[in-house]
């Protein structure tokens, strides 16, 4: 990463982090409205005064250790295995705690697919939480595909917080503020924006399934080792 690029990445992710800090709280100033409370997840929406578009916010707790969630989000190698809203996802550049990615939304009837090119930064906070925060990047090094409409993401944030005295649990806050651009009526977009927050549930299921598979494999390996050890210690039959 050259000096100019680092300055750009710092500027963009710094703006996103400041924006997250200003809107994350559930208070009268931010005017988040509870839209759904089910399946151990609370989904909120608020209207952006400037554009009239809705933002969405999800809050839940995973029975997964924080480092495992961080790894899944920071590197993005398994993104397509759990995020059903995407049909393509590529990491264009990853260095230090920055990642530039290009994603393409799943095709929806009568709606042109949206491409998004983001730069995000993984930030280790003083309170032991991890904030992964990003927004759209516009630079010649990462050109948009003219065959798609490029969405403008003002904020994409995953805040992973350890739960006190519960090392196997992680509290998560997810916030998305995106302008789809192109031709989509604001009223239609606002009706479905909260569905984006439900990808948090998809991530939870994916990680819990991986955890179960890992435990099953460890159990199988332990059983096989026990059988192998037992057979080695049994007296050998002597043929005469």
C-alpha atoms as a PDB file:
ATOM      1  CA  UNK A   1       0.000   0.000   0.000  1.00  0.00           C
ATOM      2  CA  UNK A   2       1.528   3.333  -1.032  1.00  0.00           C
ATOM      3  CA  UNK A   3       1.256   6.478   1.077  1.00  0.00           C
ATOM      4  CA  UNK A   4      -1.431   8.069  -1.118  1.00  0.00           C
ATOM      5  CA  UNK A   5      -3.622   4.979  -0.942  1.00  0.00           C
ATOM      6  CA  UNK A   6      -3.288   4.734   2.832  1.00  0.00           C
ATOM      7  CA  UNK A   7      -4.345   8.371   3.203  1.00  0.00           C
ATOM      8  CA  UNK A   8      -7.401   7.674   1.040  1.00  0.00           C
ATOM      9  CA  UNK A   9      -8.345   4.511   2.942  1.00  0.00           C
ATOM     10  CA  UNK A  10      -7.881   6.292   6.275  1.00  0.00           C
ATOM     11  CA  UNK A  11     -10.052   9.182   5.149  1.00  0.00           C
ATOM     12  CA  UNK A  12     -12.912   7.024   3.882  1.00  0.00           C
ATOM     13  CA  UNK A  13     -13.004   4.591   6.804  1.00  0.00           C
ATOM     14  CA  UNK A  14     -12.524   7.471   9.247  1.00  0.00           C
ATOM     15  CA  UNK A  15     -15.651   9.127   7.852  1.00  0.00           C
ATOM     16  CA  UNK A  16     -17.536   5.840   8.148  1.00  0.00           C
ATOM     17  CA  UNK A  17     -16.405   5.308  11.762  1.00  0.00           C
ATOM     18  CA  UNK A  18     -17.471   8.847  12.700  1.00  0.00           C
ATOM     19  CA  UNK A  19     -20.832   8.308  11.019  1.00  0.00           C
ATOM     20  CA  UNK A  20     -21.332   5.036  12.897  1.00  0.00           C
ATOM     21  CA  UNK A  21     -20.532   6.719  16.198  1.00  0.00           C
ATOM     22  CA  UNK A  22     -23.082   9.444  15.477  1.00  0.00           C
ATOM     23  CA  UNK A  23     -25.998   7.122  14.597  1.00  0.00           C
ATOM     24  CA  UNK A  24     -25.450   3.876  16.508  1.00  0.00           C
ATOM     25  CA  UNK A  25     -27.151   4.869  19.764  1.00  0.00           C
ATOM     26  CA  UNK A  26     -30.831   4.087  20.294  1.00  0.00           C
ATOM     27  CA  UNK A  27     -31.819   7.530  21.521  1.00  0.00           C
ATOM     28  CA  UNK A  28     -34.275  10.293  20.703  1.00  0.00           C
ATOM     29  CA  UNK A  29     -31.739  12.091  18.521  1.00  0.00           C
ATOM     30  CA  UNK A  30     -31.264   9.195  16.108  1.00  0.00           C
ATOM     31  CA  UNK A  31     -34.963   8.254  16.093  1.00  0.00           C
ATOM     32  CA  UNK A  32     -34.514   4.545  15.446  1.00  0.00           C
ATOM     33  CA  UNK A  33     -37.867   2.763  15.292  1.00  0.00           C
ATOM     34  CA  UNK A  34     -38.204  -0.891  16.293  1.00  0.00           C
ATOM     35  CA  UNK A  35     -39.472  -2.646  13.178  1.00  0.00           C
ATOM     36  CA  UNK A  36     -39.190  -6.311  14.210  1.00  0.00           C
ATOM     37  CA  UNK A  37     -38.338  -8.267  17.353  1.00  0.00           C
ATOM     38  CA  UNK A  38     -38.217 -12.017  16.757  1.00  0.00           C
ATOM     39  CA  UNK A  39     -35.819 -14.966  16.539  1.00  0.00           C
ATOM     40  CA  UNK A  40     -33.446 -13.317  19.037  1.00  0.00           C
ATOM     41  CA  UNK A  41     -32.866 -10.306  16.788  1.00  0.00           C
ATOM     42  CA  UNK A  42     -34.138  -6.745  16.962  1.00  0.00           C
ATOM     43  CA  UNK A  43     -34.368  -4.808  13.711  1.00  0.00           C
ATOM     44  CA  UNK A  44     -34.657  -1.039  13.683  1.00  0.00           C
ATOM     45  CA  UNK A  45     -35.119   1.498  10.885  1.00  0.00           C
ATOM     46  CA  UNK A  46     -34.635   5.241  10.671  1.00  0.00           C
ATOM     47  CA  UNK A  47     -35.146   7.683   7.832  1.00  0.00           C
ATOM     48  CA  UNK A  48     -32.220   9.661   6.525  1.00  0.00           C
ATOM     49  CA  UNK A  49     -33.388  13.305   6.569  1.00  0.00           C
ATOM     50  CA  UNK A  50     -31.376  14.260   3.485  1.00  0.00           C
ATOM     51  CA  UNK A  51     -32.461  11.507   1.080  1.00  0.00           C
ATOM     52  CA  UNK A  52     -35.645  10.127   2.608  1.00  0.00           C
ATOM     53  CA  UNK A  53     -34.130   6.642   2.360  1.00  0.00           C
ATOM     54  CA  UNK A  54     -34.330   4.287   5.314  1.00  0.00           C
ATOM     55  CA  UNK A  55     -31.315   2.933   7.141  1.00  0.00           C
ATOM     56  CA  UNK A  56     -31.463  -0.360   8.985  1.00  0.00           C
ATOM     57  CA  UNK A  57     -29.942  -1.571  12.245  1.00  0.00           C
ATOM     58  CA  UNK A  58     -29.842  -5.104  13.672  1.00  0.00           C
ATOM     59  CA  UNK A  59     -28.925  -6.111  17.207  1.00  0.00           C
ATOM     60  CA  UNK A  60     -28.477  -9.640  18.520  1.00  0.00           C
ATOM     61  CA  UNK A  61     -26.154 -11.972  20.432  1.00  0.00           C
ATOM     62  CA  UNK A  62     -24.280 -14.943  18.962  1.00  0.00           C
ATOM     63  CA  UNK A  63     -23.233 -18.007  20.941  1.00  0.00           C
ATOM     64  CA  UNK A  64     -19.948 -17.741  19.075  1.00  0.00           C
ATOM     65  CA  UNK A  65     -16.609 -16.401  20.240  1.00  0.00           C
ATOM     66  CA  UNK A  66     -15.752 -12.939  18.924  1.00  0.00           C
ATOM     67  CA  UNK A  67     -12.540 -13.927  17.050  1.00  0.00           C
ATOM     68  CA  UNK A  68     -14.428 -16.428  14.869  1.00  0.00           C
ATOM     69  CA  UNK A  69     -16.995 -13.807  13.836  1.00  0.00           C
ATOM     70  CA  UNK A  70     -14.254 -11.265  13.204  1.00  0.00           C
ATOM     71  CA  UNK A  71     -12.390 -13.702  10.953  1.00  0.00           C
ATOM     72  CA  UNK A  72     -15.493 -14.453   8.871  1.00  0.00           C
ATOM     73  CA  UNK A  73     -16.175 -10.746   8.288  1.00  0.00           C
ATOM     74  CA  UNK A  74     -12.653  -9.392   8.044  1.00  0.00           C
ATOM     75  CA  UNK A  75     -11.420 -11.679   5.270  1.00  0.00           C
ATOM     76  CA  UNK A  76     -14.694 -12.362   3.460  1.00  0.00           C
ATOM     77  CA  UNK A  77     -13.535 -15.634   1.894  1.00  0.00           C
ATOM     78  CA  UNK A  78     -16.778 -17.397   2.888  1.00  0.00           C
ATOM     79  CA  UNK A  79     -19.122 -14.476   2.162  1.00  0.00           C
ATOM     80  CA  UNK A  80     -21.080 -16.206  -0.608  1.00  0.00           C
ATOM     81  CA  UNK A  81     -21.665 -19.249   1.595  1.00  0.00           C
ATOM     82  CA  UNK A  82     -23.950 -17.304   3.925  1.00  0.00           C
ATOM     83  CA  UNK A  83     -24.954 -13.948   2.377  1.00  0.00           C
ATOM     84  CA  UNK A  84     -27.853 -14.788   0.081  1.00  0.00           C
ATOM     85  CA  UNK A  85     -28.244 -11.154  -0.998  1.00  0.00           C
ATOM     86  CA  UNK A  86     -25.060 -11.503  -3.078  1.00  0.00           C
ATOM     87  CA  UNK A  87     -24.304 -13.554  -6.180  1.00  0.00           C
ATOM     88  CA  UNK A  88     -20.693 -12.422  -6.516  1.00  0.00           C
ATOM     89  CA  UNK A  89     -18.075 -11.185  -4.076  1.00  0.00           C
ATOM     90  CA  UNK A  90     -14.412 -10.469  -4.712  1.00  0.00           C
ATOM     91  CA  UNK A  91     -11.697  -9.077  -2.486  1.00  0.00           C
ATOM     92  CA  UNK A  92      -9.830  -6.626  -4.722  1.00  0.00           C
ATOM     93  CA  UNK A  93      -7.170  -5.711  -2.206  1.00  0.00           C
ATOM     94  CA  UNK A  94      -6.408  -6.675   1.376  1.00  0.00           C
ATOM     95  CA  UNK A  95      -3.495  -5.307   3.343  1.00  0.00           C
ATOM     96  CA  UNK A  96      -3.008  -4.696   7.049  1.00  0.00           C
ATOM     97  CA  UNK A  97      -6.479  -4.038   8.494  1.00  0.00           C
ATOM     98  CA  UNK A  98      -8.013  -2.694   5.271  1.00  0.00           C
ATOM     99  CA  UNK A  99     -10.054  -4.547   2.647  1.00  0.00           C
ATOM    100  CA  UNK A 100     -11.416  -3.360  -0.691  1.00  0.00           C
ATOM    101  CA  UNK A 101     -14.223  -5.552  -1.985  1.00  0.00           C
ATOM    102  CA  UNK A 102     -16.622  -5.643  -4.903  1.00  0.00           C
ATOM    103  CA  UNK A 103     -20.020  -7.289  -4.489  1.00  0.00           C
ATOM    104  CA  UNK A 104     -22.925  -7.894  -6.841  1.00  0.00           C
ATOM    105  CA  UNK A 105     -26.472  -8.240  -5.566  1.00  0.00           C
ATOM    106  CA  UNK A 106     -28.629 -11.246  -6.366  1.00  0.00           C
ATOM    107  CA  UNK A 107     -30.963 -10.661  -9.298  1.00  0.00           C
ATOM    108  CA  UNK A 108     -34.428  -9.463  -8.312  1.00  0.00           C
ATOM    109  CA  UNK A 109     -37.340  -9.400 -10.787  1.00  0.00           C
ATOM    110  CA  UNK A 110     -37.628  -6.067 -12.610  1.00  0.00           C
ATOM    111  CA  UNK A 111     -34.686  -4.584 -10.697  1.00  0.00           C
ATOM    112  CA  UNK A 112     -31.195  -4.133 -12.143  1.00  0.00           C
ATOM    113  CA  UNK A 113     -28.460  -5.777 -10.105  1.00  0.00           C
ATOM    114  CA  UNK A 114     -26.443  -3.449  -7.909  1.00  0.00           C
ATOM    115  CA  UNK A 115     -22.683  -3.442  -7.638  1.00  0.00           C
ATOM    116  CA  UNK A 116     -20.954  -2.021  -4.591  1.00  0.00           C
ATOM    117  CA  UNK A 117     -17.247  -1.285  -4.209  1.00  0.00           C
ATOM    118  CA  UNK A 118     -16.274  -0.717  -0.592  1.00  0.00           C
ATOM    119  CA  UNK A 119     -13.225  -0.125   1.516  1.00  0.00           C
ATOM    120  CA  UNK A 120     -13.503  -1.253   5.132  1.00  0.00           C
ATOM    121  CA  UNK A 121     -11.244  -1.218   8.143  1.00  0.00           C
ATOM    122  CA  UNK A 122     -11.101  -3.576  11.110  1.00  0.00           C
ATOM    123  CA  UNK A 123     -10.571  -1.556  14.278  1.00  0.00           C
ATOM    124  CA  UNK A 124      -9.623  -3.044  17.643  1.00  0.00           C
ATOM    125  CA  UNK A 125     -11.355  -0.841  20.219  1.00  0.00           C
ATOM    126  CA  UNK A 126     -10.099  -0.024  23.720  1.00  0.00           C
ATOM    127  CA  UNK A 127     -13.070  -1.834  25.294  1.00  0.00           C
ATOM    128  CA  UNK A 128     -12.000  -5.110  23.584  1.00  0.00           C
ATOM    129  CA  UNK A 129     -14.763  -4.822  20.991  1.00  0.00           C
ATOM    130  CA  UNK A 130     -14.061  -4.912  17.239  1.00  0.00           C
ATOM    131  CA  UNK A 131     -15.559  -2.445  14.764  1.00  0.00           C
ATOM    132  CA  UNK A 132     -15.510  -3.338  11.068  1.00  0.00           C
ATOM    133  CA  UNK A 133     -16.649  -0.239   9.243  1.00  0.00           C
ATOM    134  CA  UNK A 134     -16.644   0.880   5.630  1.00  0.00           C
ATOM    135  CA  UNK A 135     -18.220   2.838   2.806  1.00  0.00           C
ATOM    136  CA  UNK A 136     -18.061   3.172  -0.970  1.00  0.00           C
ATOM    137  CA  UNK A 137     -14.760   4.045  -2.615  1.00  0.00           C
ATOM    138  CA  UNK A 138     -14.489   5.878  -5.927  1.00  0.00           C
ATOM    139  CA  UNK A 139     -11.004   5.565  -7.403  1.00  0.00           C
ATOM    140  CA  UNK A 140      -9.472   4.690 -10.782  1.00  0.00           C
ATOM    141  CA  UNK A 141      -7.737   1.689  -9.184  1.00  0.00           C
ATOM    142  CA  UNK A 142     -11.141   0.115  -8.506  1.00  0.00           C
ATOM    143  CA  UNK A 143     -13.341   0.899 -11.532  1.00  0.00           C
ATOM    144  CA  UNK A 144     -17.051   0.142 -11.513  1.00  0.00           C
ATOM    145  CA  UNK A 145     -18.584  -2.254 -14.050  1.00  0.00           C
ATOM    146  CA  UNK A 146     -20.676  -0.226 -16.551  1.00  0.00           C
ATOM    147  CA  UNK A 147     -23.038  -3.185 -16.993  1.00  0.00           C
ATOM    148  CA  UNK A 148     -24.454  -2.634 -13.477  1.00  0.00           C
ATOM    149  CA  UNK A 149     -25.802   0.211 -11.394  1.00  0.00           C
ATOM    150  CA  UNK A 150     -23.302   1.126  -8.685  1.00  0.00           C
ATOM    151  CA  UNK A 151     -24.914   1.580  -5.288  1.00  0.00           C
ATOM    152  CA  UNK A 152     -23.560   4.212  -2.930  1.00  0.00           C
ATOM    153  CA  UNK A 153     -22.906   2.847   0.556  1.00  0.00           C
ATOM    154  CA  UNK A 154     -22.609   5.607   3.139  1.00  0.00           C
ATOM    155  CA  UNK A 155     -22.136   3.171   5.997  1.00  0.00           C
ATOM    156  CA  UNK A 156     -21.633  -0.544   6.477  1.00  0.00           C
ATOM    157  CA  UNK A 157     -20.757  -1.425  10.069  1.00  0.00           C
ATOM    158  CA  UNK A 158     -20.379  -4.582  12.145  1.00  0.00           C
ATOM    159  CA  UNK A 159     -19.687  -3.921  15.820  1.00  0.00           C
ATOM    160  CA  UNK A 160     -18.639  -7.069  17.692  1.00  0.00           C
ATOM    161  CA  UNK A 161     -18.742  -6.747  21.478  1.00  0.00           C
ATOM    162  CA  UNK A 162     -17.676  -9.316  24.082  1.00  0.00           C
ATOM    163  CA  UNK A 163     -20.280 -10.222  26.693  1.00  0.00           C
ATOM    164  CA  UNK A 164     -18.999  -9.846  30.248  1.00  0.00           C
ATOM    165  CA  UNK A 165     -18.297 -13.185  31.985  1.00  0.00           C
ATOM    166  CA  UNK A 166     -19.539 -15.048  28.875  1.00  0.00           C
ATOM    167  CA  UNK A 167     -16.523 -15.664  26.624  1.00  0.00           C
ATOM    168  CA  UNK A 168     -18.533 -17.847  24.228  1.00  0.00           C
ATOM    169  CA  UNK A 169     -21.025 -15.065  23.474  1.00  0.00           C
ATOM    170  CA  UNK A 170     -20.714 -11.948  21.318  1.00  0.00           C
ATOM    171  CA  UNK A 171     -23.132  -9.042  21.027  1.00  0.00           C
ATOM    172  CA  UNK A 172     -23.486  -7.698  17.489  1.00  0.00           C
ATOM    173  CA  UNK A 173     -24.758  -4.427  16.094  1.00  0.00           C
ATOM    174  CA  UNK A 174     -25.062  -4.182  12.309  1.00  0.00           C
ATOM    175  CA  UNK A 175     -25.935  -0.937  10.501  1.00  0.00           C
ATOM    176  CA  UNK A 176     -26.400  -0.329   6.782  1.00  0.00           C
ATOM    177  CA  UNK A 177     -27.059   2.950   5.003  1.00  0.00           C
ATOM    178  CA  UNK A 178     -27.126   2.566   1.233  1.00  0.00           C
ATOM    179  CA  UNK A 179     -28.510   4.517  -1.698  1.00  0.00           C
ATOM    180  CA  UNK A 180     -29.338   1.964  -4.435  1.00  0.00           C
ATOM    181  CA  UNK A 181     -29.112   4.630  -7.165  1.00  0.00           C
ATOM    182  CA  UNK A 182     -30.701   3.963 -10.534  1.00  0.00           C
ATOM    183  CA  UNK A 183     -34.441   3.637 -10.866  1.00  0.00           C
ATOM    184  CA  UNK A 184     -35.990   2.364  -7.643  1.00  0.00           C
ATOM    185  CA  UNK A 185     -38.795   4.385  -6.031  1.00  0.00           C
ATOM    186  CA  UNK A 186     -37.864   5.505  -2.509  1.00  0.00           C
ATOM    187  CA  UNK A 187     -41.105   4.059  -1.139  1.00  0.00           C
ATOM    188  CA  UNK A 188     -40.338   0.622  -2.632  1.00  0.00           C
ATOM    189  CA  UNK A 189     -36.767   0.633  -1.340  1.00  0.00           C
ATOM    190  CA  UNK A 190     -37.907   1.654   2.141  1.00  0.00           C
ATOM    191  CA  UNK A 191     -40.364  -1.249   2.308  1.00  0.00           C
ATOM    192  CA  UNK A 192     -37.632  -3.837   1.930  1.00  0.00           C
ATOM    193  CA  UNK A 193     -34.544  -2.296   3.503  1.00  0.00           C
ATOM    194  CA  UNK A 194     -35.029  -4.082   6.835  1.00  0.00           C
ATOM    195  CA  UNK A 195     -34.571  -7.395   5.009  1.00  0.00           C
ATOM    196  CA  UNK A 196     -30.893  -6.484   4.666  1.00  0.00           C
ATOM    197  CA  UNK A 197     -30.587  -6.607   8.452  1.00  0.00           C
ATOM    198  CA  UNK A 198     -31.708 -10.236   8.455  1.00  0.00           C
ATOM    199  CA  UNK A 199     -28.391 -11.291   6.922  1.00  0.00           C
ATOM    200  CA  UNK A 200     -27.163 -11.213  10.530  1.00  0.00           C
ATOM    201  CA  UNK A 201     -29.277 -14.327  11.118  1.00  0.00           C
ATOM    202  CA  UNK A 202     -27.701 -16.000   8.074  1.00  0.00           C
ATOM    203  CA  UNK A 203     -24.230 -15.317   9.430  1.00  0.00           C
ATOM    204  CA  UNK A 204     -25.198 -16.756  12.813  1.00  0.00           C
ATOM    205  CA  UNK A 205     -26.564 -19.967  11.282  1.00  0.00           C
ATOM    206  CA  UNK A 206     -23.486 -20.360   9.085  1.00  0.00           C
ATOM    207  CA  UNK A 207     -21.085 -19.984  12.014  1.00  0.00           C
ATOM    208  CA  UNK A 208     -23.135 -22.223  14.302  1.00  0.00           C
ATOM    209  CA  UNK A 209     -23.184 -24.933  11.613  1.00  0.00           C
ATOM    210  CA  UNK A 210     -19.406 -24.630  11.232  1.00  0.00           C
ATOM    211  CA  UNK A 211     -19.036 -24.887  14.998  1.00  0.00           C
ATOM    212  CA  UNK A 212     -21.182 -28.042  15.077  1.00  0.00           C
ATOM    213  CA  UNK A 213     -19.241 -29.614  12.206  1.00  0.00           C
ATOM    214  CA  UNK A 214     -15.953 -28.823  13.939  1.00  0.00           C
ATOM    215  CA  UNK A 215     -17.167 -30.423  17.187  1.00  0.00           C
ATOM    216  CA  UNK A 216     -18.378 -33.516  15.287  1.00  0.00           C
ATOM    217  CA  UNK A 217     -15.021 -33.854  13.534  1.00  0.00           C
ATOM    218  CA  UNK A 218     -13.137 -33.485  16.813  1.00  0.00           C
ATOM    219  CA  UNK A 219     -15.380 -36.108  18.409  1.00  0.00           C
ATOM    220  CA  UNK A 220     -14.852 -38.512  15.512  1.00  0.00           C
ATOM    221  CA  UNK A 221     -11.092 -38.002  15.586  1.00  0.00           C
ATOM    222  CA  UNK A 222     -10.973 -38.550  19.356  1.00  0.00           C
ATOM    223  CA  UNK A 223     -13.001 -41.776  19.015  1.00  0.00           C
ATOM    224  CA  UNK A 224     -10.756 -43.037  16.206  1.00  0.00           C
ATOM    225  CA  UNK A 225      -7.635 -42.259  18.234  1.00  0.00           C
ATOM    226  CA  UNK A 226      -9.084 -44.115  21.227  1.00  0.00           C
ATOM    227  CA  UNK A 227      -9.847 -47.186  19.119  1.00  0.00           C
ATOM    228  CA  UNK A 228      -6.393 -47.062  17.554  1.00  0.00           C
ATOM    229  CA  UNK A 229      -4.714 -46.719  20.942  1.00  0.00           C
ATOM    230  CA  UNK A 230      -6.789 -49.572  22.368  1.00  0.00           C
ATOM    231  CA  UNK A 231      -5.890 -51.933  19.531  1.00  0.00           C
ATOM    232  CA  UNK A 232      -2.190 -51.157  19.900  1.00  0.00           C
ATOM    233  CA  UNK A 233      -2.199 -52.067  23.593  1.00  0.00           C
ATOM    234  CA  UNK A 234      -4.068 -55.347  23.175  1.00  0.00           C
ATOM    235  CA  UNK A 235      -1.859 -58.481  23.386  1.00  0.00           C
ATOM    236  CA  UNK A 236      -0.977 -59.922  20.009  1.00  0.00           C
ATOM    237  CA  UNK A 237      -2.106 -63.472  19.190  1.00  0.00           C
ATOM    238  CA  UNK A 238       0.809 -65.888  18.793  1.00  0.00           C
ATOM    239  CA  UNK A 239       0.490 -68.449  16.057  1.00  0.00           C
ATOM    240  CA  UNK A 240       2.116 -71.828  16.741  1.00  0.00           C
END
